[in-house]
């Protein structure tokens, strides 16, 4: 492959990535929380960037609640334990509620919805829903990682005496385990962000701490959305 072809392929991946509304939202989220970290809640340019980016992000999330509403009514994968099913459905319900209420918050901040006190209350309720969904996600990922760990140990016993990393099934399960571990870290970080936004522990989770954790969570989200590279063809 020539240098020009390689460059074209790389740019194609960038275009594919930026064409995703979710990817653009997470990039804006990184800017938002990076600005919150820099401002530490103090008035100035960084705080203005934080507020305007937060408002702009809400446009990306219009009608996004339908995604989790669909997940809520969809049948779970076969073989999933009932506790994990209930936790998963709770996560879908809470996240869908958060995204729906967030649209009312957007209407309030743009001046379309005039009742500011009611909009602020709805905003807090929506953040509690988001925190609840993050807690549910954390528990789901812990449960799924436990299942994957048991499955991997069983495979290791079956593949004893051979190179387990050459086994496609083992590699697939290992990749899933790594993905879920990253999702677990992100969900745990998001809980801290929610605590900061709700000011449940203002002395410990300051705006700067909230910004740092939110920025880290955003980078994880950006990484999770990266398109897979096409496999190079050998002659």
C-alpha atoms as a PDB file:
ATOM      1  CA  UNK A   1       0.000   0.000   0.000  1.00  0.00           C
ATOM      2  CA  UNK A   2       1.401   3.412  -1.006  1.00  0.00           C
ATOM      3  CA  UNK A   3       1.734   6.346   1.395  1.00  0.00           C
ATOM      4  CA  UNK A   4      -1.149   8.125  -0.359  1.00  0.00           C
ATOM      5  CA  UNK A   5      -3.403   5.073  -0.024  1.00  0.00           C
ATOM      6  CA  UNK A   6      -2.499   4.725   3.636  1.00  0.00           C
ATOM      7  CA  UNK A   7      -3.230   8.413   4.261  1.00  0.00           C
ATOM      8  CA  UNK A   8      -6.541   8.125   2.426  1.00  0.00           C
ATOM      9  CA  UNK A   9      -7.468   5.090   4.513  1.00  0.00           C
ATOM     10  CA  UNK A  10      -6.596   6.904   7.754  1.00  0.00           C
ATOM     11  CA  UNK A  11      -8.611   9.975   6.727  1.00  0.00           C
ATOM     12  CA  UNK A  12     -11.494   7.676   5.805  1.00  0.00           C
ATOM     13  CA  UNK A  13     -11.506   6.335   9.371  1.00  0.00           C
ATOM     14  CA  UNK A  14     -11.485   9.896  10.748  1.00  0.00           C
ATOM     15  CA  UNK A  15     -14.433  10.855   8.522  1.00  0.00           C
ATOM     16  CA  UNK A  16     -16.278   7.678   9.551  1.00  0.00           C
ATOM     17  CA  UNK A  17     -15.656   8.535  13.208  1.00  0.00           C
ATOM     18  CA  UNK A  18     -16.731  12.181  12.956  1.00  0.00           C
ATOM     19  CA  UNK A  19     -19.862  11.246  11.007  1.00  0.00           C
ATOM     20  CA  UNK A  20     -21.195   9.642  14.193  1.00  0.00           C
ATOM     21  CA  UNK A  21     -23.362  12.060  16.183  1.00  0.00           C
ATOM     22  CA  UNK A  22     -22.373  10.118  19.319  1.00  0.00           C
ATOM     23  CA  UNK A  23     -18.656  10.686  18.621  1.00  0.00           C
ATOM     24  CA  UNK A  24     -19.158  14.436  18.135  1.00  0.00           C
ATOM     25  CA  UNK A  25     -21.158  14.531  21.371  1.00  0.00           C
ATOM     26  CA  UNK A  26     -18.367  12.824  23.320  1.00  0.00           C
ATOM     27  CA  UNK A  27     -15.734  15.164  21.857  1.00  0.00           C
ATOM     28  CA  UNK A  28     -17.874  18.108  22.987  1.00  0.00           C
ATOM     29  CA  UNK A  29     -18.207  16.407  26.371  1.00  0.00           C
ATOM     30  CA  UNK A  30     -14.419  16.247  26.691  1.00  0.00           C
ATOM     31  CA  UNK A  31     -14.249  19.978  25.912  1.00  0.00           C
ATOM     32  CA  UNK A  32     -17.027  20.680  28.422  1.00  0.00           C
ATOM     33  CA  UNK A  33     -15.429  18.829  31.326  1.00  0.00           C
ATOM     34  CA  UNK A  34     -11.923  19.960  30.411  1.00  0.00           C
ATOM     35  CA  UNK A  35     -13.231  23.540  30.693  1.00  0.00           C
ATOM     36  CA  UNK A  36     -14.893  22.713  34.014  1.00  0.00           C
ATOM     37  CA  UNK A  37     -11.545  21.405  35.299  1.00  0.00           C
ATOM     38  CA  UNK A  38      -9.773  24.602  34.218  1.00  0.00           C
ATOM     39  CA  UNK A  39     -12.423  26.962  35.606  1.00  0.00           C
ATOM     40  CA  UNK A  40     -12.912  25.131  38.931  1.00  0.00           C
ATOM     41  CA  UNK A  41     -16.324  26.807  39.098  1.00  0.00           C
ATOM     42  CA  UNK A  42     -14.869  30.315  38.877  1.00  0.00           C
ATOM     43  CA  UNK A  43     -16.303  32.878  36.401  1.00  0.00           C
ATOM     44  CA  UNK A  44     -14.296  33.401  33.241  1.00  0.00           C
ATOM     45  CA  UNK A  45     -13.674  32.111  29.732  1.00  0.00           C
ATOM     46  CA  UNK A  46     -13.327  28.459  30.780  1.00  0.00           C
ATOM     47  CA  UNK A  47     -16.648  28.509  32.634  1.00  0.00           C
ATOM     48  CA  UNK A  48     -18.343  30.137  29.626  1.00  0.00           C
ATOM     49  CA  UNK A  49     -17.004  27.346  27.396  1.00  0.00           C
ATOM     50  CA  UNK A  50     -18.270  24.781  29.921  1.00  0.00           C
ATOM     51  CA  UNK A  51     -21.795  26.244  29.952  1.00  0.00           C
ATOM     52  CA  UNK A  52     -22.130  26.857  26.206  1.00  0.00           C
ATOM     53  CA  UNK A  53     -20.756  23.408  25.325  1.00  0.00           C
ATOM     54  CA  UNK A  54     -23.102  21.772  27.832  1.00  0.00           C
ATOM     55  CA  UNK A  55     -26.049  23.506  26.162  1.00  0.00           C
ATOM     56  CA  UNK A  56     -24.834  22.621  22.662  1.00  0.00           C
ATOM     57  CA  UNK A  57     -24.492  18.936  23.603  1.00  0.00           C
ATOM     58  CA  UNK A  58     -28.172  18.709  24.486  1.00  0.00           C
ATOM     59  CA  UNK A  59     -29.048  19.140  20.801  1.00  0.00           C
ATOM     60  CA  UNK A  60     -27.120  15.936  19.996  1.00  0.00           C
ATOM     61  CA  UNK A  61     -29.285  14.098  22.531  1.00  0.00           C
ATOM     62  CA  UNK A  62     -32.702  15.108  21.183  1.00  0.00           C
ATOM     63  CA  UNK A  63     -34.927  11.993  20.954  1.00  0.00           C
ATOM     64  CA  UNK A  64     -31.965   9.827  21.993  1.00  0.00           C
ATOM     65  CA  UNK A  65     -34.120   8.431  24.821  1.00  0.00           C
ATOM     66  CA  UNK A  66     -35.769   6.219  22.191  1.00  0.00           C
ATOM     67  CA  UNK A  67     -32.575   4.095  22.004  1.00  0.00           C
ATOM     68  CA  UNK A  68     -32.802   2.985  25.628  1.00  0.00           C
ATOM     69  CA  UNK A  69     -36.576   2.738  25.433  1.00  0.00           C
ATOM     70  CA  UNK A  70     -36.047   0.217  22.636  1.00  0.00           C
ATOM     71  CA  UNK A  71     -33.490  -1.622  24.798  1.00  0.00           C
ATOM     72  CA  UNK A  72     -35.984  -1.674  27.662  1.00  0.00           C
ATOM     73  CA  UNK A  73     -38.632  -3.546  25.658  1.00  0.00           C
ATOM     74  CA  UNK A  74     -36.187  -5.779  23.728  1.00  0.00           C
ATOM     75  CA  UNK A  75     -35.731  -9.391  24.912  1.00  0.00           C
ATOM     76  CA  UNK A  76     -32.480 -10.064  26.813  1.00  0.00           C
ATOM     77  CA  UNK A  77     -29.797 -12.404  25.432  1.00  0.00           C
ATOM     78  CA  UNK A  78     -30.524 -16.070  26.084  1.00  0.00           C
ATOM     79  CA  UNK A  79     -28.946 -17.460  29.239  1.00  0.00           C
ATOM     80  CA  UNK A  80     -28.691 -14.125  31.061  1.00  0.00           C
ATOM     81  CA  UNK A  81     -29.413 -14.505  34.816  1.00  0.00           C
ATOM     82  CA  UNK A  82     -32.590 -12.804  36.052  1.00  0.00           C
ATOM     83  CA  UNK A  83     -30.755 -10.357  38.417  1.00  0.00           C
ATOM     84  CA  UNK A  84     -28.623  -9.104  35.504  1.00  0.00           C
ATOM     85  CA  UNK A  85     -31.716  -8.788  33.309  1.00  0.00           C
ATOM     86  CA  UNK A  86     -33.458  -6.672  35.962  1.00  0.00           C
ATOM     87  CA  UNK A  87     -30.380  -4.504  36.444  1.00  0.00           C
ATOM     88  CA  UNK A  88     -30.023  -4.064  32.684  1.00  0.00           C
ATOM     89  CA  UNK A  89     -33.665  -3.062  32.292  1.00  0.00           C
ATOM     90  CA  UNK A  90     -33.335  -0.665  35.240  1.00  0.00           C
ATOM     91  CA  UNK A  91     -30.334   0.924  33.547  1.00  0.00           C
ATOM     92  CA  UNK A  92     -32.317   1.331  30.294  1.00  0.00           C
ATOM     93  CA  UNK A  93     -35.315   2.826  32.120  1.00  0.00           C
ATOM     94  CA  UNK A  94     -33.217   5.278  34.148  1.00  0.00           C
ATOM     95  CA  UNK A  95     -31.078   6.367  31.192  1.00  0.00           C
ATOM     96  CA  UNK A  96     -34.126   6.799  28.962  1.00  0.00           C
ATOM     97  CA  UNK A  97     -35.780   8.917  31.670  1.00  0.00           C
ATOM     98  CA  UNK A  98     -32.619  11.023  32.044  1.00  0.00           C
ATOM     99  CA  UNK A  99     -32.429  11.684  28.305  1.00  0.00           C
ATOM    100  CA  UNK A 100     -36.138  12.526  28.103  1.00  0.00           C
ATOM    101  CA  UNK A 101     -36.012  14.944  31.049  1.00  0.00           C
ATOM    102  CA  UNK A 102     -32.814  16.460  29.674  1.00  0.00           C
ATOM    103  CA  UNK A 103     -34.820  17.721  26.702  1.00  0.00           C
ATOM    104  CA  UNK A 104     -37.028  19.728  29.096  1.00  0.00           C
ATOM    105  CA  UNK A 105     -33.858  21.122  30.686  1.00  0.00           C
ATOM    106  CA  UNK A 106     -32.710  22.202  27.222  1.00  0.00           C
ATOM    107  CA  UNK A 107     -36.063  23.916  26.622  1.00  0.00           C
ATOM    108  CA  UNK A 108     -35.624  25.745  29.923  1.00  0.00           C
ATOM    109  CA  UNK A 109     -32.081  26.912  29.180  1.00  0.00           C
ATOM    110  CA  UNK A 110     -33.036  28.176  25.734  1.00  0.00           C
ATOM    111  CA  UNK A 111     -35.967  30.165  27.174  1.00  0.00           C
ATOM    112  CA  UNK A 112     -38.699  28.154  25.438  1.00  0.00           C
ATOM    113  CA  UNK A 113     -39.859  26.683  28.748  1.00  0.00           C
ATOM    114  CA  UNK A 114     -40.390  29.685  31.040  1.00  0.00           C
ATOM    115  CA  UNK A 115     -40.675  28.032  34.476  1.00  0.00           C
ATOM    116  CA  UNK A 116     -37.010  28.207  35.571  1.00  0.00           C
ATOM    117  CA  UNK A 117     -37.641  26.750  39.056  1.00  0.00           C
ATOM    118  CA  UNK A 118     -39.432  23.736  37.593  1.00  0.00           C
ATOM    119  CA  UNK A 119     -36.729  23.304  34.929  1.00  0.00           C
ATOM    120  CA  UNK A 120     -34.000  23.312  37.619  1.00  0.00           C
ATOM    121  CA  UNK A 121     -35.898  20.677  39.625  1.00  0.00           C
ATOM    122  CA  UNK A 122     -36.307  18.518  36.511  1.00  0.00           C
ATOM    123  CA  UNK A 123     -32.588  18.956  35.855  1.00  0.00           C
ATOM    124  CA  UNK A 124     -31.717  17.553  39.297  1.00  0.00           C
ATOM    125  CA  UNK A 125     -34.152  14.644  38.886  1.00  0.00           C
ATOM    126  CA  UNK A 126     -32.590  13.846  35.502  1.00  0.00           C
ATOM    127  CA  UNK A 127     -29.095  13.806  37.044  1.00  0.00           C
ATOM    128  CA  UNK A 128     -30.270  11.419  39.773  1.00  0.00           C
ATOM    129  CA  UNK A 129     -31.613   9.158  37.011  1.00  0.00           C
ATOM    130  CA  UNK A 130     -28.234   9.307  35.249  1.00  0.00           C
ATOM    131  CA  UNK A 131     -26.408   8.469  38.482  1.00  0.00           C
ATOM    132  CA  UNK A 132     -28.796   5.554  39.037  1.00  0.00           C
ATOM    133  CA  UNK A 133     -28.195   4.253  35.521  1.00  0.00           C
ATOM    134  CA  UNK A 134     -24.413   4.489  36.088  1.00  0.00           C
ATOM    135  CA  UNK A 135     -24.736   2.494  39.322  1.00  0.00           C
ATOM    136  CA  UNK A 136     -26.864  -0.121  37.523  1.00  0.00           C
ATOM    137  CA  UNK A 137     -24.300  -0.265  34.694  1.00  0.00           C
ATOM    138  CA  UNK A 138     -21.505  -0.818  37.220  1.00  0.00           C
ATOM    139  CA  UNK A 139     -23.371  -3.755  38.769  1.00  0.00           C
ATOM    140  CA  UNK A 140     -24.228  -5.226  35.339  1.00  0.00           C
ATOM    141  CA  UNK A 141     -20.603  -5.042  34.197  1.00  0.00           C
ATOM    142  CA  UNK A 142     -19.388  -6.642  37.445  1.00  0.00           C
ATOM    143  CA  UNK A 143     -21.857  -9.481  36.971  1.00  0.00           C
ATOM    144  CA  UNK A 144     -20.968  -9.991  33.297  1.00  0.00           C
ATOM    145  CA  UNK A 145     -17.243  -9.908  34.084  1.00  0.00           C
ATOM    146  CA  UNK A 146     -17.811 -12.619  36.694  1.00  0.00           C
ATOM    147  CA  UNK A 147     -19.591 -14.771  34.090  1.00  0.00           C
ATOM    148  CA  UNK A 148     -16.841 -14.172  31.519  1.00  0.00           C
ATOM    149  CA  UNK A 149     -14.133 -14.977  34.065  1.00  0.00           C
ATOM    150  CA  UNK A 150     -15.738 -18.345  34.804  1.00  0.00           C
ATOM    151  CA  UNK A 151     -16.130 -19.059  31.090  1.00  0.00           C
ATOM    152  CA  UNK A 152     -12.477 -18.164  30.412  1.00  0.00           C
ATOM    153  CA  UNK A 153     -11.237 -20.428  33.220  1.00  0.00           C
ATOM    154  CA  UNK A 154     -13.273 -23.303  31.835  1.00  0.00           C
ATOM    155  CA  UNK A 155     -11.824 -22.734  28.362  1.00  0.00           C
ATOM    156  CA  UNK A 156      -8.302 -22.600  29.775  1.00  0.00           C
ATOM    157  CA  UNK A 157      -8.804 -26.042  31.295  1.00  0.00           C
ATOM    158  CA  UNK A 158     -10.144 -27.388  28.002  1.00  0.00           C
ATOM    159  CA  UNK A 159      -7.210 -25.875  26.093  1.00  0.00           C
ATOM    160  CA  UNK A 160      -4.569 -27.075  28.531  1.00  0.00           C
ATOM    161  CA  UNK A 161      -1.413 -28.058  26.647  1.00  0.00           C
ATOM    162  CA  UNK A 162      -2.098 -25.765  23.684  1.00  0.00           C
ATOM    163  CA  UNK A 163      -1.662 -22.053  23.036  1.00  0.00           C
ATOM    164  CA  UNK A 164      -4.930 -20.544  24.283  1.00  0.00           C
ATOM    165  CA  UNK A 165      -4.271 -17.261  22.474  1.00  0.00           C
ATOM    166  CA  UNK A 166      -4.503 -19.075  19.136  1.00  0.00           C
ATOM    167  CA  UNK A 167      -8.038 -20.188  19.969  1.00  0.00           C
ATOM    168  CA  UNK A 168     -10.577 -17.837  18.376  1.00  0.00           C
ATOM    169  CA  UNK A 169     -13.248 -18.449  21.000  1.00  0.00           C
ATOM    170  CA  UNK A 170     -10.806 -17.650  23.814  1.00  0.00           C
ATOM    171  CA  UNK A 171      -9.610 -14.460  22.110  1.00  0.00           C
ATOM    172  CA  UNK A 172     -13.208 -13.334  21.519  1.00  0.00           C
ATOM    173  CA  UNK A 173     -14.133 -13.830  25.166  1.00  0.00           C
ATOM    174  CA  UNK A 174     -10.931 -12.088  26.268  1.00  0.00           C
ATOM    175  CA  UNK A 175     -11.752  -9.089  24.049  1.00  0.00           C
ATOM    176  CA  UNK A 176     -15.245  -8.950  25.530  1.00  0.00           C
ATOM    177  CA  UNK A 177     -13.768  -9.086  29.018  1.00  0.00           C
ATOM    178  CA  UNK A 178     -11.464  -6.158  28.226  1.00  0.00           C
ATOM    179  CA  UNK A 179     -14.364  -4.154  26.765  1.00  0.00           C
ATOM    180  CA  UNK A 180     -16.510  -4.770  29.826  1.00  0.00           C
ATOM    181  CA  UNK A 181     -13.631  -3.867  32.167  1.00  0.00           C
ATOM    182  CA  UNK A 182     -13.314  -0.519  30.391  1.00  0.00           C
ATOM    183  CA  UNK A 183     -17.097  -0.016  30.546  1.00  0.00           C
ATOM    184  CA  UNK A 184     -16.968  -0.776  34.285  1.00  0.00           C
ATOM    185  CA  UNK A 185     -14.267   1.866  34.843  1.00  0.00           C
ATOM    186  CA  UNK A 186     -16.253   4.426  32.844  1.00  0.00           C
ATOM    187  CA  UNK A 187     -19.484   3.727  34.750  1.00  0.00           C
ATOM    188  CA  UNK A 188     -17.674   4.062  38.101  1.00  0.00           C
ATOM    189  CA  UNK A 189     -16.096   7.351  36.981  1.00  0.00           C
ATOM    190  CA  UNK A 190     -19.508   8.630  35.828  1.00  0.00           C
ATOM    191  CA  UNK A 191     -20.919   8.019  39.320  1.00  0.00           C
ATOM    192  CA  UNK A 192     -18.320  10.447  40.702  1.00  0.00           C
ATOM    193  CA  UNK A 193     -19.216  12.957  37.964  1.00  0.00           C
ATOM    194  CA  UNK A 194     -22.913  12.700  38.875  1.00  0.00           C
ATOM    195  CA  UNK A 195     -22.096  13.233  42.570  1.00  0.00           C
ATOM    196  CA  UNK A 196     -20.154  16.350  41.589  1.00  0.00           C
ATOM    197  CA  UNK A 197     -22.886  17.760  39.347  1.00  0.00           C
ATOM    198  CA  UNK A 198     -25.495  17.179  42.069  1.00  0.00           C
ATOM    199  CA  UNK A 199     -23.120  18.667  44.676  1.00  0.00           C
ATOM    200  CA  UNK A 200     -23.740  15.768  47.052  1.00  0.00           C
ATOM    201  CA  UNK A 201     -20.210  16.059  48.465  1.00  0.00           C
ATOM    202  CA  UNK A 202     -19.109  19.619  47.546  1.00  0.00           C
ATOM    203  CA  UNK A 203     -16.025  19.640  49.786  1.00  0.00           C
ATOM    204  CA  UNK A 204     -14.579  16.435  48.316  1.00  0.00           C
ATOM    205  CA  UNK A 205     -15.967  16.407  44.778  1.00  0.00           C
ATOM    206  CA  UNK A 206     -15.203  19.978  43.730  1.00  0.00           C
ATOM    207  CA  UNK A 207     -15.855  21.370  40.230  1.00  0.00           C
ATOM    208  CA  UNK A 208     -12.209  20.631  39.402  1.00  0.00           C
ATOM    209  CA  UNK A 209     -12.542  16.995  40.521  1.00  0.00           C
ATOM    210  CA  UNK A 210     -15.812  16.716  38.584  1.00  0.00           C
ATOM    211  CA  UNK A 211     -14.101  18.161  35.518  1.00  0.00           C
ATOM    212  CA  UNK A 212     -11.139  15.785  35.781  1.00  0.00           C
ATOM    213  CA  UNK A 213     -13.325  12.691  36.154  1.00  0.00           C
ATOM    214  CA  UNK A 214     -15.698  13.886  33.426  1.00  0.00           C
ATOM    215  CA  UNK A 215     -12.788  14.492  31.051  1.00  0.00           C
ATOM    216  CA  UNK A 216     -11.399  11.006  31.742  1.00  0.00           C
ATOM    217  CA  UNK A 217     -14.842   9.456  31.193  1.00  0.00           C
ATOM    218  CA  UNK A 218     -15.209  11.364  27.917  1.00  0.00           C
ATOM    219  CA  UNK A 219     -11.849  10.104  26.642  1.00  0.00           C
ATOM    220  CA  UNK A 220     -12.934   6.529  27.417  1.00  0.00           C
ATOM    221  CA  UNK A 221     -16.174   7.120  25.488  1.00  0.00           C
ATOM    222  CA  UNK A 222     -14.234   8.539  22.523  1.00  0.00           C
ATOM    223  CA  UNK A 223     -11.984   5.469  22.550  1.00  0.00           C
ATOM    224  CA  UNK A 224     -14.961   3.087  22.717  1.00  0.00           C
ATOM    225  CA  UNK A 225     -16.439   4.700  19.594  1.00  0.00           C
ATOM    226  CA  UNK A 226     -13.283   4.365  17.491  1.00  0.00           C
ATOM    227  CA  UNK A 227     -13.978   2.444  14.257  1.00  0.00           C
ATOM    228  CA  UNK A 228     -12.121  -0.840  13.829  1.00  0.00           C
ATOM    229  CA  UNK A 229      -9.284  -0.724  11.350  1.00  0.00           C
ATOM    230  CA  UNK A 230      -9.732  -2.809   8.222  1.00  0.00           C
ATOM    231  CA  UNK A 231      -7.471  -5.845   8.104  1.00  0.00           C
ATOM    232  CA  UNK A 232      -4.597  -5.374   5.697  1.00  0.00           C
ATOM    233  CA  UNK A 233      -4.635  -7.710   2.768  1.00  0.00           C
ATOM    234  CA  UNK A 234      -1.519  -9.744   2.203  1.00  0.00           C
ATOM    235  CA  UNK A 235      -0.449 -10.679  -1.331  1.00  0.00           C
END
